[in-house]
């Protein structure tokens, strides 16, 4: 998407602007007035206002943090696939219901 001149300026000056805010705080009305004096506008070309400037700075920080997170992300290891199920243990005929059933059928049919 197209970015406003204010967004572009703040993104390019992110580190310096963030350091200045950290060092001495920020008076958004003063910054907005400076942006207006420099001709840095909103996306629609209107002069910069305090609420729009604060929100634009928030969006720039969010985008910067997302870029840092994306570059620092370690990809998860690729799994070969699901592990095969273990073979069921054979059970003696007296405890295995299916084996007991088969034994009964075989005895009735005359099979060994």
PDB file of N, CA and C in Angstrom:
ATOM      1  N   UNK A   1       0.829  -1.190   0.000  1.00  0.00           N
ATOM      2  CA  UNK A   1       0.000   0.000   0.000  1.00  0.00           C
ATOM      3  C   UNK A   1       0.874   1.255   0.000  1.00  0.00           C
ATOM      4  N   UNK A   2       0.325   2.305  -0.551  1.00  0.00           N
ATOM      5  CA  UNK A   2       1.046   3.573  -0.580  1.00  0.00           C
ATOM      6  C   UNK A   2       1.172   4.115   0.841  1.00  0.00           C
ATOM      7  N   UNK A   3       2.306   4.693   1.122  1.00  0.00           N
ATOM      8  CA  UNK A   3       2.566   5.249   2.447  1.00  0.00           C
ATOM      9  C   UNK A   3       2.572   6.767   2.370  1.00  0.00           C
ATOM     10  N   UNK A   4       2.173   7.392   3.463  1.00  0.00           N
ATOM     11  CA  UNK A   4       2.172   8.848   3.497  1.00  0.00           C
ATOM     12  C   UNK A   4       3.600   9.371   3.578  1.00  0.00           C
ATOM     13  N   UNK A   5       3.827  10.639   3.177  1.00  0.00           N
ATOM     14  CA  UNK A   5       5.149  11.222   3.336  1.00  0.00           C
ATOM     15  C   UNK A   5       5.626  11.176   4.797  1.00  0.00           C
ATOM     16  N   UNK A   6       4.689  11.342   5.736  1.00  0.00           N
ATOM     17  CA  UNK A   6       5.057  11.279   7.155  1.00  0.00           C
ATOM     18  C   UNK A   6       5.538   9.881   7.530  1.00  0.00           C
ATOM     19  N   UNK A   7       4.861   8.850   7.045  1.00  0.00           N
ATOM     20  CA  UNK A   7       5.270   7.473   7.328  1.00  0.00           C
ATOM     21  C   UNK A   7       6.656   7.208   6.765  1.00  0.00           C
ATOM     22  N   UNK A   8       6.873   7.627   5.519  1.00  0.00           N
ATOM     23  CA  UNK A   8       8.160   7.404   4.872  1.00  0.00           C
ATOM     24  C   UNK A   8       9.270   8.115   5.641  1.00  0.00           C
ATOM     25  N   UNK A   9       9.027   9.369   6.033  1.00  0.00           N
ATOM     26  CA  UNK A   9      10.040  10.123   6.773  1.00  0.00           C
ATOM     27  C   UNK A   9      10.349   9.457   8.108  1.00  0.00           C
ATOM     28  N   UNK A  10       9.298   9.081   8.846  1.00  0.00           N
ATOM     29  CA  UNK A  10       9.503   8.451  10.152  1.00  0.00           C
ATOM     30  C   UNK A  10      10.197   7.100  10.015  1.00  0.00           C
ATOM     31  N   UNK A  11       9.872   6.344   8.970  1.00  0.00           N
ATOM     32  CA  UNK A  11      10.510   5.044   8.773  1.00  0.00           C
ATOM     33  C   UNK A  11      11.996   5.212   8.468  1.00  0.00           C
ATOM     34  N   UNK A  12      12.323   6.195   7.637  1.00  0.00           N
ATOM     35  CA  UNK A  12      13.733   6.435   7.302  1.00  0.00           C
ATOM     36  C   UNK A  12      14.522   6.960   8.489  1.00  0.00           C
ATOM     37  N   UNK A  13      13.878   7.737   9.328  1.00  0.00           N
ATOM     38  CA  UNK A  13      14.552   8.347  10.482  1.00  0.00           C
ATOM     39  C   UNK A  13      14.242   7.611  11.787  1.00  0.00           C
ATOM     40  N   UNK A  14      13.768   6.373  11.689  1.00  0.00           N
ATOM     41  CA  UNK A  14      13.269   5.645  12.857  1.00  0.00           C
ATOM     42  C   UNK A  14      14.247   5.645  14.022  1.00  0.00           C
ATOM     43  N   UNK A  15      15.461   5.199  13.792  1.00  0.00           N
ATOM     44  CA  UNK A  15      16.409   5.039  14.894  1.00  0.00           C
ATOM     45  C   UNK A  15      16.730   6.375  15.558  1.00  0.00           C
ATOM     46  N   UNK A  16      16.962   7.402  14.746  1.00  0.00           N
ATOM     47  CA  UNK A  16      17.282   8.716  15.299  1.00  0.00           C
ATOM     48  C   UNK A  16      16.086   9.314  16.037  1.00  0.00           C
ATOM     49  N   UNK A  17      14.893   9.172  15.457  1.00  0.00           N
ATOM     50  CA  UNK A  17      13.683   9.718  16.082  1.00  0.00           C
ATOM     51  C   UNK A  17      13.389   8.996  17.394  1.00  0.00           C
ATOM     52  N   UNK A  18      13.522   7.673  17.378  1.00  0.00           N
ATOM     53  CA  UNK A  18      13.282   6.892  18.603  1.00  0.00           C
ATOM     54  C   UNK A  18      14.282   7.275  19.686  1.00  0.00           C
ATOM     55  N   UNK A  19      15.546   7.482  19.308  1.00  0.00           N
ATOM     56  CA  UNK A  19      16.563   7.874  20.288  1.00  0.00           C
ATOM     57  C   UNK A  19      16.253   9.252  20.865  1.00  0.00           C
ATOM     58  N   UNK A  20      15.799  10.179  20.019  1.00  0.00           N
ATOM     59  CA  UNK A  20      15.454  11.516  20.501  1.00  0.00           C
ATOM     60  C   UNK A  20      14.281  11.461  21.472  1.00  0.00           C
ATOM     61  N   UNK A  21      13.287  10.635  21.150  1.00  0.00           N
ATOM     62  CA  UNK A  21      12.137  10.489  22.053  1.00  0.00           C
ATOM     63  C   UNK A  21      12.582   9.882  23.375  1.00  0.00           C
ATOM     64  N   UNK A  22      13.427   8.871  23.301  1.00  0.00           N
ATOM     65  CA  UNK A  22      13.910   8.204  24.511  1.00  0.00           C
ATOM     66  C   UNK A  22      14.706   9.170  25.392  1.00  0.00           C
ATOM     67  N   UNK A  23      15.489  10.004  24.746  1.00  0.00           N
ATOM     68  CA  UNK A  23      16.366  10.919  25.481  1.00  0.00           C
ATOM     69  C   UNK A  23      15.617  12.067  26.145  1.00  0.00           C
ATOM     70  N   UNK A  24      14.716  12.693  25.387  1.00  0.00           N
ATOM     71  CA  UNK A  24      14.097  13.905  25.930  1.00  0.00           C
ATOM     72  C   UNK A  24      12.579  13.918  25.867  1.00  0.00           C
ATOM     73  N   UNK A  25      11.967  12.808  25.500  1.00  0.00           N
ATOM     74  CA  UNK A  25      10.514  12.777  25.398  1.00  0.00           C
ATOM     75  C   UNK A  25      10.059  13.403  24.093  1.00  0.00           C
ATOM     76  N   UNK A  26       8.766  13.524  23.926  1.00  0.00           N
ATOM     77  CA  UNK A  26       8.243  14.087  22.688  1.00  0.00           C
ATOM     78  C   UNK A  26       7.042  14.976  22.993  1.00  0.00           C
ATOM     79  N   UNK A  27       7.013  16.088  22.328  1.00  0.00           N
ATOM     80  CA  UNK A  27       5.832  16.956  22.358  1.00  0.00           C
ATOM     81  C   UNK A  27       5.251  16.892  20.958  1.00  0.00           C
ATOM     82  N   UNK A  28       4.202  16.075  20.805  1.00  0.00           N
ATOM     83  CA  UNK A  28       3.648  15.787  19.497  1.00  0.00           C
ATOM     84  C   UNK A  28       3.171  17.036  18.778  1.00  0.00           C
ATOM     85  N   UNK A  29       2.677  18.026  19.506  1.00  0.00           N
ATOM     86  CA  UNK A  29       2.207  19.263  18.862  1.00  0.00           C
ATOM     87  C   UNK A  29       3.372  19.985  18.189  1.00  0.00           C
ATOM     88  N   UNK A  30       4.539  19.972  18.828  1.00  0.00           N
ATOM     89  CA  UNK A  30       5.720  20.620  18.255  1.00  0.00           C
ATOM     90  C   UNK A  30       6.177  19.854  17.015  1.00  0.00           C
ATOM     91  N   UNK A  31       6.199  18.529  17.106  1.00  0.00           N
ATOM     92  CA  UNK A  31       6.627  17.717  15.965  1.00  0.00           C
ATOM     93  C   UNK A  31       5.653  17.894  14.801  1.00  0.00           C
ATOM     94  N   UNK A  32       4.350  17.899  15.086  1.00  0.00           N
ATOM     95  CA  UNK A  32       3.355  18.088  14.024  1.00  0.00           C
ATOM     96  C   UNK A  32       3.534  19.457  13.364  1.00  0.00           C
ATOM     97  N   UNK A  33       3.812  20.483  14.152  1.00  0.00           N
ATOM     98  CA  UNK A  33       4.036  21.821  13.592  1.00  0.00           C
ATOM     99  C   UNK A  33       5.277  21.830  12.697  1.00  0.00           C
ATOM    100  N   UNK A  34       6.318  21.137  13.111  1.00  0.00           N
ATOM    101  CA  UNK A  34       7.533  21.046  12.285  1.00  0.00           C
ATOM    102  C   UNK A  34       7.249  20.301  10.987  1.00  0.00           C
ATOM    103  N   UNK A  35       6.467  19.235  11.068  1.00  0.00           N
ATOM    104  CA  UNK A  35       6.108  18.505   9.854  1.00  0.00           C
ATOM    105  C   UNK A  35       5.342  19.426   8.894  1.00  0.00           C
ATOM    106  N   UNK A  36       4.402  20.189   9.436  1.00  0.00           N
ATOM    107  CA  UNK A  36       3.641  21.114   8.586  1.00  0.00           C
ATOM    108  C   UNK A  36       4.570  22.143   7.952  1.00  0.00           C
ATOM    109  N   UNK A  37       5.528  22.656   8.725  1.00  0.00           N
ATOM    110  CA  UNK A  37       6.471  23.652   8.206  1.00  0.00           C
ATOM    111  C   UNK A  37       7.352  23.073   7.099  1.00  0.00           C
ATOM    112  N   UNK A  38       7.694  21.787   7.218  1.00  0.00           N
ATOM    113  CA  UNK A  38       8.533  21.131   6.217  1.00  0.00           C
ATOM    114  C   UNK A  38       7.728  20.615   5.022  1.00  0.00           C
ATOM    115  N   UNK A  39       6.396  20.674   5.128  1.00  0.00           N
ATOM    116  CA  UNK A  39       5.550  20.191   4.041  1.00  0.00           C
ATOM    117  C   UNK A  39       5.342  18.684   4.066  1.00  0.00           C
ATOM    118  N   UNK A  40       5.651  18.032   5.176  1.00  0.00           N
ATOM    119  CA  UNK A  40       5.434  16.584   5.312  1.00  0.00           C
ATOM    120  C   UNK A  40       3.976  16.389   5.694  1.00  0.00           C
ATOM    121  N   UNK A  41       3.246  15.682   4.847  1.00  0.00           N
ATOM    122  CA  UNK A  41       1.790  15.606   4.990  1.00  0.00           C
ATOM    123  C   UNK A  41       1.306  14.194   5.280  1.00  0.00           C
ATOM    124  N   UNK A  42      -0.001  14.116   5.492  1.00  0.00           N
ATOM    125  CA  UNK A  42      -0.669  12.827   5.596  1.00  0.00           C
ATOM    126  C   UNK A  42      -0.749  12.222   4.203  1.00  0.00           C
ATOM    127  N   UNK A  43      -1.236  11.000   4.106  1.00  0.00           N
ATOM    128  CA  UNK A  43      -1.337  10.319   2.815  1.00  0.00           C
ATOM    129  C   UNK A  43      -2.266  11.069   1.860  1.00  0.00           C
ATOM    130  N   UNK A  44      -3.311  11.691   2.387  1.00  0.00           N
ATOM    131  CA  UNK A  44      -4.271  12.404   1.541  1.00  0.00           C
ATOM    132  C   UNK A  44      -3.824  13.824   1.207  1.00  0.00           C
ATOM    133  N   UNK A  45      -2.607  14.209   1.634  1.00  0.00           N
ATOM    134  CA  UNK A  45      -2.078  15.532   1.327  1.00  0.00           C
ATOM    135  C   UNK A  45      -2.444  16.598   2.337  1.00  0.00           C
ATOM    136  N   UNK A  46      -3.259  16.256   3.332  1.00  0.00           N
ATOM    137  CA  UNK A  46      -3.639  17.233   4.356  1.00  0.00           C
ATOM    138  C   UNK A  46      -2.479  17.447   5.317  1.00  0.00           C
ATOM    139  N   UNK A  47      -2.456  18.614   5.971  1.00  0.00           N
ATOM    140  CA  UNK A  47      -1.392  18.871   6.944  1.00  0.00           C
ATOM    141  C   UNK A  47      -1.443  17.864   8.097  1.00  0.00           C
ATOM    142  N   UNK A  48      -0.297  17.604   8.675  1.00  0.00           N
ATOM    143  CA  UNK A  48      -0.185  16.621   9.758  1.00  0.00           C
ATOM    144  C   UNK A  48      -0.847  17.146  11.024  1.00  0.00           C
ATOM    145  N   UNK A  49      -1.629  16.272  11.671  1.00  0.00           N
ATOM    146  CA  UNK A  49      -2.241  16.598  12.963  1.00  0.00           C
ATOM    147  C   UNK A  49      -1.615  15.706  14.027  1.00  0.00           C
ATOM    148  N   UNK A  50      -1.789  16.079  15.273  1.00  0.00           N
ATOM    149  CA  UNK A  50      -1.191  15.317  16.372  1.00  0.00           C
ATOM    150  C   UNK A  50      -1.701  13.880  16.414  1.00  0.00           C
ATOM    151  N   UNK A  51      -3.024  13.625  16.377  1.00  0.00           N
ATOM    152  CA  UNK A  51      -3.476  12.228  16.442  1.00  0.00           C
ATOM    153  C   UNK A  51      -2.962  11.383  15.277  1.00  0.00           C
ATOM    154  N   UNK A  52      -2.960  11.959  14.077  1.00  0.00           N
ATOM    155  CA  UNK A  52      -2.489  11.209  12.914  1.00  0.00           C
ATOM    156  C   UNK A  52      -0.995  10.948  13.031  1.00  0.00           C
ATOM    157  N   UNK A  53      -0.242  11.927  13.505  1.00  0.00           N
ATOM    158  CA  UNK A  53       1.201  11.758  13.673  1.00  0.00           C
ATOM    159  C   UNK A  53       1.510  10.661  14.691  1.00  0.00           C
ATOM    160  N   UNK A  54       0.826  10.683  15.820  1.00  0.00           N
ATOM    161  CA  UNK A  54       1.051   9.652  16.844  1.00  0.00           C
ATOM    162  C   UNK A  54       0.722   8.269  16.306  1.00  0.00           C
ATOM    163  N   UNK A  55      -0.380   8.147  15.564  1.00  0.00           N
ATOM    164  CA  UNK A  55      -0.769   6.853  15.011  1.00  0.00           C
ATOM    165  C   UNK A  55       0.222   6.410  13.923  1.00  0.00           C
ATOM    166  N   UNK A  56       0.696   7.352  13.139  1.00  0.00           N
ATOM    167  CA  UNK A  56       1.671   7.023  12.106  1.00  0.00           C
ATOM    168  C   UNK A  56       2.959   6.507  12.743  1.00  0.00           C
ATOM    169  N   UNK A  57       3.403   7.158  13.818  1.00  0.00           N
ATOM    170  CA  UNK A  57       4.611   6.702  14.521  1.00  0.00           C
ATOM    171  C   UNK A  57       4.386   5.304  15.092  1.00  0.00           C
ATOM    172  N   UNK A  58       3.209   5.029  15.620  1.00  0.00           N
ATOM    173  CA  UNK A  58       2.886   3.695  16.137  1.00  0.00           C
ATOM    174  C   UNK A  58       2.983   2.656  15.014  1.00  0.00           C
ATOM    175  N   UNK A  59       2.435   2.982  13.823  1.00  0.00           N
ATOM    176  CA  UNK A  59       2.487   2.046  12.693  1.00  0.00           C
ATOM    177  C   UNK A  59       3.927   1.804  12.230  1.00  0.00           C
ATOM    178  N   UNK A  60       4.729   2.868  12.211  1.00  0.00           N
ATOM    179  CA  UNK A  60       6.135   2.721  11.813  1.00  0.00           C
ATOM    180  C   UNK A  60       6.859   1.801  12.790  1.00  0.00           C
ATOM    181  N   UNK A  61       6.654   1.995  14.091  1.00  0.00           N
ATOM    182  CA  UNK A  61       7.302   1.138  15.107  1.00  0.00           C
ATOM    183  C   UNK A  61       6.847  -0.301  14.963  1.00  0.00           C
ATOM    184  N   UNK A  62       5.557  -0.515  14.741  1.00  0.00           N
ATOM    185  CA  UNK A  62       5.025  -1.867  14.591  1.00  0.00           C
ATOM    186  C   UNK A  62       5.646  -2.555  13.379  1.00  0.00           C
ATOM    187  N   UNK A  63       5.778  -1.825  12.272  1.00  0.00           N
ATOM    188  CA  UNK A  63       6.381  -2.403  11.073  1.00  0.00           C
ATOM    189  C   UNK A  63       7.851  -2.723  11.309  1.00  0.00           C
ATOM    190  N   UNK A  64       8.564  -1.858  11.987  1.00  0.00           N
ATOM    191  CA  UNK A  64       9.984  -2.076  12.281  1.00  0.00           C
ATOM    192  C   UNK A  64      10.145  -3.308  13.179  1.00  0.00           C
ATOM    193  N   UNK A  65       9.324  -3.423  14.218  1.00  0.00           N
ATOM    194  CA  UNK A  65       9.391  -4.579  15.118  1.00  0.00           C
ATOM    195  C   UNK A  65       9.072  -5.876  14.379  1.00  0.00           C
ATOM    196  N   UNK A  66       8.112  -5.839  13.473  1.00  0.00           N
ATOM    197  CA  UNK A  66       7.765  -7.034  12.701  1.00  0.00           C
ATOM    198  C   UNK A  66       8.926  -7.442  11.801  1.00  0.00           C
ATOM    199  N   UNK A  67       9.615  -6.460  11.228  1.00  0.00           N
ATOM    200  CA  UNK A  67      10.755  -6.769  10.364  1.00  0.00           C
ATOM    201  C   UNK A  67      11.893  -7.386  11.173  1.00  0.00           C
ATOM    202  N   UNK A  68      12.113  -6.875  12.372  1.00  0.00           N
ATOM    203  CA  UNK A  68      13.168  -7.423  13.235  1.00  0.00           C
ATOM    204  C   UNK A  68      12.807  -8.845  13.646  1.00  0.00           C
ATOM    205  N   UNK A  69      11.569  -9.061  14.026  1.00  0.00           N
ATOM    206  CA  UNK A  69      11.120 -10.388  14.439  1.00  0.00           C
ATOM    207  C   UNK A  69      11.257 -11.381  13.290  1.00  0.00           C
ATOM    208  N   UNK A  70      10.899 -10.956  12.083  1.00  0.00           N
ATOM    209  CA  UNK A  70      10.962 -11.847  10.925  1.00  0.00           C
ATOM    210  C   UNK A  70      12.404 -12.247  10.608  1.00  0.00           C
ATOM    211  N   UNK A  71      13.347 -11.332  10.781  1.00  0.00           N
ATOM    212  CA  UNK A  71      14.744 -11.661  10.474  1.00  0.00           C
ATOM    213  C   UNK A  71      15.385 -12.486  11.573  1.00  0.00           C
ATOM    214  N   UNK A  72      14.860 -12.400  12.787  1.00  0.00           N
ATOM    215  CA  UNK A  72      15.434 -13.152  13.906  1.00  0.00           C
ATOM    216  C   UNK A  72      14.756 -14.492  14.138  1.00  0.00           C
ATOM    217  N   UNK A  73      13.720 -14.770  13.387  1.00  0.00           N
ATOM    218  CA  UNK A  73      12.960 -16.004  13.593  1.00  0.00           C
ATOM    219  C   UNK A  73      13.770 -17.200  13.118  1.00  0.00           C
ATOM    220  N   UNK A  74      13.842 -18.213  13.957  1.00  0.00           N
ATOM    221  CA  UNK A  74      14.532 -19.452  13.607  1.00  0.00           C
ATOM    222  C   UNK A  74      13.478 -20.423  13.093  1.00  0.00           C
ATOM    223  N   UNK A  75      13.661 -20.920  11.878  1.00  0.00           N
ATOM    224  CA  UNK A  75      12.633 -21.829  11.352  1.00  0.00           C
ATOM    225  C   UNK A  75      12.562 -23.117  12.170  1.00  0.00           C
ATOM    226  N   UNK A  76      11.369 -23.607  12.319  1.00  0.00           N
ATOM    227  CA  UNK A  76      11.163 -24.848  13.057  1.00  0.00           C
ATOM    228  C   UNK A  76      11.733 -26.012  12.245  1.00  0.00           C
ATOM    229  N   UNK A  77      12.290 -27.010  12.925  1.00  0.00           N
ATOM    230  CA  UNK A  77      12.823 -28.151  12.181  1.00  0.00           C
ATOM    231  C   UNK A  77      11.711 -28.877  11.435  1.00  0.00           C
ATOM    232  N   UNK A  78      12.053 -29.366  10.276  1.00  0.00           N
ATOM    233  CA  UNK A  78      11.077 -30.075   9.448  1.00  0.00           C
ATOM    234  C   UNK A  78      11.003 -31.513   9.922  1.00  0.00           C
ATOM    235  N   UNK A  79       9.795 -31.964  10.198  1.00  0.00           N
ATOM    236  CA  UNK A  79       9.599 -33.345  10.631  1.00  0.00           C
ATOM    237  C   UNK A  79       9.457 -34.243   9.417  1.00  0.00           C
ATOM    238  N   UNK A  80       9.989 -35.429   9.530  1.00  0.00           N
ATOM    239  CA  UNK A  80       9.938 -36.378   8.420  1.00  0.00           C
ATOM    240  C   UNK A  80       8.516 -36.879   8.189  1.00  0.00           C
ATOM    241  N   UNK A  81       7.725 -36.910   9.193  1.00  0.00           N
ATOM    242  CA  UNK A  81       6.365 -37.403   9.064  1.00  0.00           C
ATOM    243  C   UNK A  81       5.954 -38.052  10.371  1.00  0.00           C
ATOM    244  N   UNK A  82       4.742 -38.515  10.448  1.00  0.00           N
ATOM    245  CA  UNK A  82       4.307 -39.144  11.691  1.00  0.00           C
ATOM    246  C   UNK A  82       5.053 -40.454  11.939  1.00  0.00           C
ATOM    247  N   UNK A  83       5.326 -40.700  13.182  1.00  0.00           N
ATOM    248  CA  UNK A  83       6.007 -41.944  13.538  1.00  0.00           C
ATOM    249  C   UNK A  83       5.029 -43.100  13.369  1.00  0.00           C
ATOM    250  N   UNK A  84       5.520 -44.251  12.889  1.00  0.00           N
ATOM    251  CA  UNK A  84       4.603 -45.386  12.724  1.00  0.00           C
ATOM    252  C   UNK A  84       4.118 -45.882  14.090  1.00  0.00           C
ATOM    253  N   UNK A  85       2.931 -46.395  14.079  1.00  0.00           N
ATOM    254  CA  UNK A  85       2.386 -46.954  15.310  1.00  0.00           C
ATOM    255  C   UNK A  85       3.137 -48.223  15.668  1.00  0.00           C
ATOM    256  N   UNK A  86       3.361 -48.456  16.953  1.00  0.00           N
ATOM    257  CA  UNK A  86       4.050 -49.694  17.330  1.00  0.00           C
ATOM    258  C   UNK A  86       3.165 -50.904  17.050  1.00  0.00           C
ATOM    259  N   UNK A  87       3.817 -52.004  16.759  1.00  0.00           N
ATOM    260  CA  UNK A  87       3.081 -53.248  16.516  1.00  0.00           C
ATOM    261  C   UNK A  87       2.422 -53.691  17.816  1.00  0.00           C
ATOM    262  N   UNK A  88       1.168 -54.109  17.744  1.00  0.00           N
ATOM    263  CA  UNK A  88       0.524 -54.575  18.966  1.00  0.00           C
ATOM    264  C   UNK A  88       1.181 -55.874  19.449  1.00  0.00           C
ATOM    265  N   UNK A  89       1.287 -55.993  20.749  1.00  0.00           N
ATOM    266  CA  UNK A  89       1.880 -57.205  21.328  1.00  0.00           C
ATOM    267  C   UNK A  89       0.873 -58.346  21.218  1.00  0.00           C
ATOM    268  N   UNK A  90       1.353 -59.511  20.810  1.00  0.00           N
ATOM    269  CA  UNK A  90       0.411 -60.637  20.754  1.00  0.00           C
ATOM    270  C   UNK A  90      -0.027 -61.019  22.170  1.00  0.00           C
ATOM    271  N   UNK A  91      -1.291 -61.276  22.286  1.00  0.00           N
ATOM    272  CA  UNK A  91      -1.829 -61.645  23.589  1.00  0.00           C
ATOM    273  C   UNK A  91      -2.228 -63.118  23.563  1.00  0.00           C
ATOM    274  N   UNK A  92      -2.140 -63.761  24.706  1.00  0.00           N
ATOM    275  CA  UNK A  92      -2.588 -65.153  24.747  1.00  0.00           C
ATOM    276  C   UNK A  92      -4.076 -65.240  24.406  1.00  0.00           C
ATOM    277  N   UNK A  93      -4.467 -66.391  23.891  1.00  0.00           N
ATOM    278  CA  UNK A  93      -5.840 -66.577  23.429  1.00  0.00           C
ATOM    279  C   UNK A  93      -6.861 -66.326  24.516  1.00  0.00           C
ATOM    280  N   UNK A  94      -6.524 -66.620  25.769  1.00  0.00           N
ATOM    281  CA  UNK A  94      -7.532 -66.466  26.814  1.00  0.00           C
ATOM    282  C   UNK A  94      -7.773 -65.002  27.187  1.00  0.00           C
ATOM    283  N   UNK A  95      -6.812 -64.102  26.870  1.00  0.00           N
ATOM    284  CA  UNK A  95      -7.032 -62.689  27.206  1.00  0.00           C
ATOM    285  C   UNK A  95      -7.344 -61.849  25.983  1.00  0.00           C
ATOM    286  N   UNK A  96      -7.100 -62.394  24.779  1.00  0.00           N
ATOM    287  CA  UNK A  96      -7.387 -61.653  23.555  1.00  0.00           C
ATOM    288  C   UNK A  96      -8.785 -62.039  23.092  1.00  0.00           C
ATOM    289  N   UNK A  97      -9.737 -61.119  23.165  1.00  0.00           N
ATOM    290  CA  UNK A  97     -11.112 -61.474  22.814  1.00  0.00           C
ATOM    291  C   UNK A  97     -11.246 -61.963  21.375  1.00  0.00           C
ATOM    292  N   UNK A  98     -10.516 -61.363  20.453  1.00  0.00           N
ATOM    293  CA  UNK A  98     -10.628 -61.782  19.061  1.00  0.00           C
ATOM    294  C   UNK A  98     -10.060 -63.188  18.871  1.00  0.00           C
ATOM    295  N   UNK A  99      -8.926 -63.465  19.515  1.00  0.00           N
ATOM    296  CA  UNK A  99      -8.324 -64.797  19.407  1.00  0.00           C
ATOM    297  C   UNK A  99      -9.240 -65.844  20.031  1.00  0.00           C
ATOM    298  N   UNK A 100      -9.850 -65.506  21.148  1.00  0.00           N
ATOM    299  CA  UNK A 100     -10.774 -66.432  21.796  1.00  0.00           C
ATOM    300  C   UNK A 100     -11.980 -66.699  20.891  1.00  0.00           C
ATOM    301  N   UNK A 101     -12.474 -65.652  20.256  1.00  0.00           N
ATOM    302  CA  UNK A 101     -13.611 -65.807  19.347  1.00  0.00           C
ATOM    303  C   UNK A 101     -13.247 -66.702  18.167  1.00  0.00           C
ATOM    304  N   UNK A 102     -12.044 -66.450  17.597  1.00  0.00           N
ATOM    305  CA  UNK A 102     -11.591 -67.282  16.475  1.00  0.00           C
ATOM    306  C   UNK A 102     -11.422 -68.741  16.904  1.00  0.00           C
ATOM    307  N   UNK A 103     -10.890 -68.957  18.084  1.00  0.00           N
ATOM    308  CA  UNK A 103     -10.704 -70.327  18.581  1.00  0.00           C
ATOM    309  C   UNK A 103     -12.045 -71.035  18.705  1.00  0.00           C
ATOM    310  N   UNK A 104     -13.044 -70.300  19.212  1.00  0.00           N
ATOM    311  CA  UNK A 104     -14.384 -70.899  19.338  1.00  0.00           C
ATOM    312  C   UNK A 104     -14.961 -71.221  17.974  1.00  0.00           C
ATOM    313  N   UNK A 105     -14.819 -70.280  17.003  1.00  0.00           N
ATOM    314  CA  UNK A 105     -15.314 -70.550  15.656  1.00  0.00           C
ATOM    315  C   UNK A 105     -14.607 -71.759  15.039  1.00  0.00           C
ATOM    316  N   UNK A 106     -13.316 -71.813  15.190  1.00  0.00           N
ATOM    317  CA  UNK A 106     -12.544 -72.920  14.605  1.00  0.00           C
ATOM    318  C   UNK A 106     -12.954 -74.253  15.231  1.00  0.00           C
ATOM    319  N   UNK A 107     -13.182 -74.257  16.559  1.00  0.00           N
ATOM    320  CA  UNK A 107     -13.568 -75.517  17.187  1.00  0.00           C
ATOM    321  C   UNK A 107     -14.953 -75.968  16.725  1.00  0.00           C
ATOM    322  N   UNK A 108     -15.853 -75.007  16.473  1.00  0.00           N
ATOM    323  CA  UNK A 108     -17.185 -75.360  16.009  1.00  0.00           C
ATOM    324  C   UNK A 108     -17.183 -75.827  14.564  1.00  0.00           C
ATOM    325  N   UNK A 109     -16.261 -75.243  13.773  1.00  0.00           N
ATOM    326  CA  UNK A 109     -16.243 -75.618  12.345  1.00  0.00           C
ATOM    327  C   UNK A 109     -15.377 -76.833  12.084  1.00  0.00           C
ATOM    328  N   UNK A 110     -14.674 -77.289  13.089  1.00  0.00           N
ATOM    329  CA  UNK A 110     -13.830 -78.448  12.920  1.00  0.00           C
ATOM    330  C   UNK A 110     -12.442 -78.117  12.445  1.00  0.00           C
ATOM    331  N   UNK A 111     -12.119 -76.853  12.402  1.00  0.00           N
ATOM    332  CA  UNK A 111     -10.761 -76.476  12.015  1.00  0.00           C
ATOM    333  C   UNK A 111      -9.817 -76.638  13.200  1.00  0.00           C
ATOM    334  N   UNK A 112      -8.571 -76.894  12.890  1.00  0.00           N
ATOM    335  CA  UNK A 112      -7.613 -77.024  14.009  1.00  0.00           C
ATOM    336  C   UNK A 112      -7.294 -75.681  14.641  1.00  0.00           C
TER     337      UNK A 112
END
